[in-house]
Amino acid sequence: MRPRHLALAVALAAVWGCNFVVMQTGLKHYPPLTYAALRFLLAAFPAVLVTGGPRVPWRWVLATGASLGVAQYGLLLLGMRAGMPAGLTSLVIQVQAVFTALFATALLGERLGRRRITGTVVAFAGLGLIAAGVVAESGAIPFGAFLLCVASAAGWGLGNVATRRAAPPDSLRFMVWVSAVSAPPLLALALMTEGPSSLGSFTVEGVGAVLYTALLSTLGGFAVWGWLLTRYDASLVAPYGLLVPVFGLASAALFTGEPVSPLTFAAGALILAGLLYAGTRPRTAPAPTPSPTPR
């Protein structure tokens, strides 16, 4: 990867990692479902008016919107509002890669293979370590909030499988339409459970958080990610996503004072090592040079 493209990939991981702190800030001003609805509303409009159709069957747009939009972000923000810290959330949500592999096996008939199974077990061991820490520190982090974030990762995994089946030729256009179909149900749920008054809240910090999440993290982020994937193999680009929790934990420690305990560090190492091992191919030994044929 060229140096400027490598810098772009690292910058994107920083934008996505810092997004967890931004969302935590936004939740001080908006209830979780309202925040999610506003995020997708701004990501969709007015872009949806000028991008044209999604160029994939509508069933996959709706399936991705329901899983990636409504389930993932709705549950994620509910979990954060219930007490999950931003940095730890950025780490826990990475098990979406494990759920993606499991759902792809069950729904698409893909084979895990020994390497993916080993990586999955290691990643889940890290997740179990976090769960044990949450239980041990009862009261510091509600266990229900942790489970909401794990469920959010499962929603992301389903969304990844739906996206894989959709195989959109334009990832940015697809994301605009996924945002468009995600906003109405989230808005309806927000109005029913949080009330209409939450939509009228206006603060510079709150609006800035929504704009960052909708425009910079969602539209800008997926545009850059798609652009990189058109120029390099997915196996080369994907590992940069593992930098997201690194930036997430670092930004949370820097801006909110969230501590990174030895347990979190060990769990993060297990999760990232498992995902990296499962997501890479083993090196194959070079074929032996044939001996010259006697003449």
Protein backbone atom coordinates (compact mmCIF):
# COMPACT_ATOMS: atom_id res chain seq x y z
CA MET A 1 0.00 0.00 0.00
CA ARG A 2 1.34 3.44 -0.90
CA PRO A 3 2.36 5.61 2.07
CA ARG A 4 -0.40 8.20 1.51
CA HIS A 5 -3.00 5.44 1.20
CA LEU A 6 -1.66 3.77 4.33
CA ALA A 7 -1.97 7.12 6.14
CA LEU A 8 -5.54 7.38 4.85
CA ALA A 9 -6.40 3.92 6.21
CA VAL A 10 -4.93 4.80 9.62
CA ALA A 11 -6.78 8.14 9.64
CA LEU A 12 -10.04 6.34 8.88
CA ALA A 13 -9.46 3.95 11.79
CA ALA A 14 -8.89 7.02 13.99
CA VAL A 15 -12.16 8.60 12.82
CA TRP A 16 -14.09 5.40 13.51
CA GLY A 17 -12.34 4.84 16.85
CA CYS A 18 -13.01 8.39 18.09
CA ASN A 19 -16.63 7.99 16.99
CA PHE A 20 -17.37 6.03 20.18
CA VAL A 21 -16.37 8.99 22.34
CA VAL A 22 -18.41 11.26 20.05
CA MET A 23 -21.46 9.01 20.45
CA GLN A 24 -21.02 8.99 24.21
CA THR A 25 -21.01 12.79 24.09
CA GLY A 26 -24.09 12.87 21.85
CA LEU A 27 -25.99 10.64 24.27
CA LYS A 28 -25.78 13.42 26.85
CA HIS A 29 -28.09 15.47 24.59
CA TYR A 30 -30.25 12.90 22.78
CA PRO A 31 -31.84 9.61 23.86
CA PRO A 32 -30.28 6.58 22.09
CA LEU A 33 -32.99 5.79 19.53
CA THR A 34 -33.45 9.48 18.67
CA TYR A 35 -29.68 9.80 18.19
CA ALA A 36 -29.64 6.74 15.92
CA ALA A 37 -32.59 8.05 13.89
CA LEU A 38 -30.97 11.47 13.44
CA ARG A 39 -27.69 9.85 12.45
CA PHE A 40 -29.25 7.85 9.61
CA LEU A 41 -31.59 10.66 8.61
CA LEU A 42 -28.66 13.02 8.02
CA ALA A 43 -26.62 10.29 6.34
CA ALA A 44 -29.49 9.64 3.89
CA PHE A 45 -30.83 13.11 3.10
CA PRO A 46 -30.24 14.92 0.86
CA ALA A 47 -27.72 12.39 -0.56
CA VAL A 48 -30.48 9.90 -1.44
CA LEU A 49 -32.04 12.46 -3.80
CA VAL A 50 -28.98 12.64 -6.05
CA THR A 51 -27.35 9.19 -5.85
CA GLY A 52 -29.89 7.20 -7.86
CA GLY A 53 -31.12 3.71 -6.97
CA PRO A 54 -29.14 1.25 -4.82
CA ARG A 55 -28.44 -1.07 -7.81
CA VAL A 56 -29.15 -4.15 -5.68
CA PRO A 57 -32.42 -5.99 -4.88
CA TRP A 58 -34.51 -4.09 -2.36
CA ARG A 59 -34.79 -7.10 -0.06
CA TRP A 60 -31.07 -6.81 0.70
CA VAL A 61 -31.29 -3.07 1.29
CA LEU A 62 -34.14 -3.66 3.77
CA ALA A 63 -32.38 -6.62 5.42
CA THR A 64 -29.18 -4.62 5.85
CA GLY A 65 -31.11 -1.63 7.18
CA ALA A 66 -32.94 -3.80 9.73
CA SER A 67 -29.78 -5.54 10.98
CA LEU A 68 -26.97 -3.05 10.44
CA GLY A 69 -29.02 0.09 11.02
CA VAL A 70 -31.87 -0.58 13.42
CA ALA A 71 -30.48 -3.55 15.38
CA GLN A 72 -26.79 -2.73 15.49
CA TYR A 73 -26.90 0.99 16.16
CA GLY A 74 -30.09 0.92 18.19
CA LEU A 75 -28.70 -1.73 20.56
CA LEU A 76 -25.23 -0.15 20.57
CA LEU A 77 -26.50 3.25 21.69
CA LEU A 78 -28.90 1.68 24.20
CA GLY A 79 -25.96 -0.22 25.67
CA MET A 80 -23.81 2.88 25.88
CA ARG A 81 -26.65 4.86 27.44
CA ALA A 82 -27.10 2.02 29.97
CA GLY A 83 -23.50 2.35 31.14
CA MET A 84 -21.02 0.78 28.67
CA PRO A 85 -17.93 3.02 28.44
CA ALA A 86 -16.92 4.24 24.99
CA GLY A 87 -13.48 2.62 24.87
CA LEU A 88 -14.64 -0.77 26.07
CA THR A 89 -17.56 -0.63 23.64
CA SER A 90 -15.17 -0.05 20.73
CA LEU A 91 -13.41 -3.27 21.73
CA VAL A 92 -16.46 -5.46 22.42
CA ILE A 93 -18.14 -4.52 19.14
CA GLN A 94 -15.21 -6.01 17.20
CA VAL A 95 -16.57 -9.51 17.86
CA GLN A 96 -18.89 -8.69 14.96
CA ALA A 97 -16.26 -10.42 12.84
CA VAL A 98 -16.85 -13.63 14.79
CA PHE A 99 -20.63 -13.34 14.42
CA THR A 100 -20.17 -12.62 10.72
CA ALA A 101 -18.25 -15.88 10.28
CA LEU A 102 -20.83 -17.87 12.28
CA PHE A 103 -23.81 -16.41 10.40
CA ALA A 104 -22.06 -16.85 7.05
CA THR A 105 -21.57 -20.51 7.90
CA ALA A 106 -25.20 -21.00 8.97
CA LEU A 107 -26.91 -18.87 6.29
CA LEU A 108 -24.54 -18.90 3.32
CA GLY A 109 -23.03 -22.35 3.72
CA GLU A 110 -19.49 -21.01 4.05
CA ARG A 111 -16.93 -23.23 5.72
CA LEU A 112 -15.08 -21.94 8.77
CA GLY A 113 -11.97 -24.07 8.53
CA ARG A 114 -9.55 -24.87 11.34
CA ARG A 115 -7.88 -21.44 11.28
CA ARG A 116 -11.15 -19.50 11.62
CA ILE A 117 -12.42 -21.83 14.33
CA THR A 118 -9.23 -21.33 16.34
CA GLY A 119 -9.36 -17.56 15.90
CA THR A 120 -13.04 -17.51 16.88
CA VAL A 121 -12.35 -19.46 20.07
CA VAL A 122 -9.51 -17.09 21.01
CA ALA A 123 -11.66 -13.99 20.31
CA PHE A 124 -14.55 -15.36 22.35
CA ALA A 125 -12.11 -16.11 25.18
CA GLY A 126 -11.27 -12.41 25.22
CA LEU A 127 -14.96 -11.54 25.25
CA GLY A 128 -15.49 -13.98 28.12
CA LEU A 129 -12.65 -12.29 30.00
CA ILE A 130 -14.43 -8.93 29.65
CA ALA A 131 -17.71 -10.49 30.80
CA ALA A 132 -15.95 -11.96 33.85
CA GLY A 133 -14.51 -8.54 34.63
CA VAL A 134 -17.93 -6.89 34.31
CA VAL A 135 -19.43 -9.44 36.70
CA ALA A 136 -16.52 -9.09 39.14
CA GLU A 137 -16.91 -5.30 39.17
CA SER A 138 -20.66 -5.49 39.72
CA GLY A 139 -22.15 -2.00 39.69
CA ALA A 140 -19.30 -0.33 37.79
CA ILE A 141 -20.63 -1.53 34.41
CA PRO A 142 -24.15 -3.01 34.23
CA PHE A 143 -24.07 -6.52 32.79
CA GLY A 144 -27.21 -5.75 30.77
CA ALA A 145 -25.36 -2.91 29.04
CA PHE A 146 -22.57 -5.33 28.12
CA LEU A 147 -25.09 -7.82 26.70
CA LEU A 148 -26.72 -5.06 24.61
CA CYS A 149 -23.33 -4.33 23.02
CA VAL A 150 -22.75 -8.03 22.31
CA ALA A 151 -26.23 -8.20 20.72
CA SER A 152 -25.28 -5.13 18.68
CA ALA A 153 -22.20 -6.99 17.40
CA ALA A 154 -24.49 -9.87 16.40
CA GLY A 155 -26.70 -7.41 14.49
CA TRP A 156 -23.61 -6.11 12.72
CA GLY A 157 -22.68 -9.67 11.79
CA LEU A 158 -26.11 -10.23 10.23
CA GLY A 159 -25.74 -6.94 8.39
CA ASN A 160 -22.39 -8.03 7.00
CA VAL A 161 -23.93 -11.24 5.67
CA ALA A 162 -26.79 -9.29 4.06
CA THR A 163 -24.26 -6.90 2.51
CA ARG A 164 -22.25 -9.82 1.20
CA ARG A 165 -25.35 -11.26 -0.46
CA ALA A 166 -26.23 -7.84 -1.87
CA ALA A 167 -22.70 -7.39 -3.31
CA PRO A 168 -23.30 -3.66 -4.01
CA PRO A 169 -21.27 -2.24 -6.90
CA ASP A 170 -21.13 1.14 -5.12
CA SER A 171 -20.65 0.86 -1.34
CA LEU A 172 -21.32 4.56 -0.68
CA ARG A 173 -24.59 4.56 -2.63
CA PHE A 174 -25.64 1.37 -0.89
CA MET A 175 -24.90 2.91 2.52
CA VAL A 176 -26.99 5.97 1.67
CA TRP A 177 -30.00 3.77 0.90
CA VAL A 178 -29.40 1.58 3.97
CA SER A 179 -29.47 4.79 6.01
CA ALA A 180 -32.67 5.88 4.26
CA VAL A 181 -34.54 2.68 5.18
CA SER A 182 -33.07 2.61 8.72
CA ALA A 183 -34.20 6.11 9.69
CA PRO A 184 -38.04 5.66 9.60
CA PRO A 185 -38.31 2.63 11.95
CA LEU A 186 -35.76 4.15 14.33
CA LEU A 187 -37.70 7.42 14.28
CA ALA A 188 -40.97 5.59 14.97
CA LEU A 189 -39.42 3.66 17.87
CA ALA A 190 -37.94 6.87 19.25
CA LEU A 191 -41.30 8.67 19.12
CA MET A 192 -43.07 5.76 20.82
CA THR A 193 -40.53 5.18 23.61
CA GLU A 194 -38.69 8.46 24.05
CA GLY A 195 -41.33 11.00 23.03
CA PRO A 196 -41.32 13.75 20.40
CA SER A 197 -39.76 16.36 22.68
CA SER A 198 -36.31 14.76 22.32
CA LEU A 199 -36.23 15.70 18.62
CA GLY A 200 -36.40 19.38 19.45
CA SER A 201 -33.26 19.37 21.58
CA PHE A 202 -30.62 21.68 20.13
CA THR A 203 -27.14 22.18 21.54
CA VAL A 204 -23.94 22.85 19.64
CA GLU A 205 -22.26 19.81 21.21
CA GLY A 206 -25.23 17.52 20.50
CA VAL A 207 -25.67 18.63 16.88
CA GLY A 208 -21.91 18.40 16.33
CA ALA A 209 -21.92 14.82 17.60
CA VAL A 210 -24.73 13.84 15.23
CA LEU A 211 -23.00 15.55 12.28
CA TYR A 212 -19.70 13.80 13.04
CA THR A 213 -21.38 10.41 13.25
CA ALA A 214 -23.58 10.87 10.17
CA LEU A 215 -21.30 12.71 7.75
CA LEU A 216 -17.72 12.00 8.79
CA SER A 217 -17.99 8.50 10.26
CA THR A 218 -20.78 7.07 8.09
CA LEU A 219 -20.70 8.71 4.66
CA GLY A 220 -17.08 9.85 4.64
CA GLY A 221 -15.84 6.69 6.34
CA PHE A 222 -17.57 4.25 4.01
CA ALA A 223 -16.57 6.31 0.97
CA VAL A 224 -12.89 6.07 1.94
CA TRP A 225 -13.21 2.38 2.89
CA GLY A 226 -14.87 1.56 -0.43
CA TRP A 227 -12.25 3.59 -2.31
CA LEU A 228 -9.42 1.65 -0.66
CA LEU A 229 -11.12 -1.66 -1.43
CA THR A 230 -11.28 -0.76 -5.12
CA ARG A 231 -7.49 -0.31 -5.19
CA TYR A 232 -6.21 -3.04 -2.87
CA ASP A 233 -7.14 -6.59 -1.91
CA ALA A 234 -9.60 -6.85 0.95
CA SER A 235 -7.07 -8.98 2.85
CA LEU A 236 -4.69 -6.00 2.80
CA VAL A 237 -7.27 -3.37 3.79
CA ALA A 238 -9.33 -5.27 6.38
CA PRO A 239 -6.61 -5.56 9.10
CA TYR A 240 -6.59 -1.77 9.44
CA GLY A 241 -10.06 -2.12 10.96
CA LEU A 242 -8.34 -3.70 13.98
CA LEU A 243 -6.88 -0.27 14.76
CA VAL A 244 -10.40 1.04 15.54
CA PRO A 245 -10.51 -0.23 19.16
CA VAL A 246 -6.94 0.99 19.67
CA PHE A 247 -8.03 4.53 18.79
CA GLY A 248 -11.31 3.97 20.65
CA LEU A 249 -9.58 3.04 23.92
CA ALA A 250 -6.94 5.76 23.50
CA SER A 251 -9.44 8.54 22.75
CA ALA A 252 -11.68 7.43 25.64
CA ALA A 253 -8.72 7.51 28.01
CA LEU A 254 -7.63 10.90 26.69
CA PHE A 255 -10.97 12.71 26.51
CA THR A 256 -13.11 11.01 29.15
CA GLY A 257 -10.53 9.59 31.54
CA GLU A 258 -11.71 6.02 30.99
CA PRO A 259 -9.10 3.71 32.54
CA VAL A 260 -7.59 0.84 30.58
CA SER A 261 -7.18 -1.92 33.15
CA PRO A 262 -4.76 -4.85 32.74
CA LEU A 263 -7.83 -7.08 32.30
CA THR A 264 -9.11 -4.93 29.42
CA PHE A 265 -5.64 -4.92 27.86
CA ALA A 266 -5.39 -8.73 28.08
CA ALA A 267 -8.93 -9.20 26.74
CA GLY A 268 -8.25 -6.79 23.89
CA ALA A 269 -5.07 -8.64 22.99
CA LEU A 270 -6.99 -11.93 22.85
CA ILE A 271 -9.84 -10.48 20.75
CA LEU A 272 -7.57 -8.73 18.26
CA ALA A 273 -5.18 -11.68 18.02
CA GLY A 274 -8.08 -14.06 17.39
CA LEU A 275 -9.60 -11.84 14.72
CA LEU A 276 -6.27 -11.26 13.04
CA TYR A 277 -5.44 -14.98 13.04
CA ALA A 278 -8.88 -15.91 11.70
CA GLY A 279 -8.85 -13.23 9.04
CA THR A 280 -5.47 -13.97 7.48
CA ARG A 281 -4.36 -16.83 5.34
CA PRO A 282 -1.44 -19.00 6.35
CA ARG A 283 1.68 -18.58 4.33
CA THR A 284 2.17 -21.38 1.89
CA ALA A 285 5.58 -22.85 1.49
CA PRO A 286 7.11 -22.16 -1.88
CA ALA A 287 6.94 -25.06 -4.28
CA PRO A 288 10.20 -27.01 -4.39
CA THR A 289 12.32 -26.34 -7.41
CA PRO A 290 12.22 -29.43 -9.60
CA SER A 291 15.51 -31.13 -10.06
CA PRO A 292 16.85 -31.02 -13.60
CA THR A 293 15.88 -33.95 -15.74
CA PRO A 294 18.84 -36.11 -16.65
CA ARG A 295 19.68 -35.95 -20.29
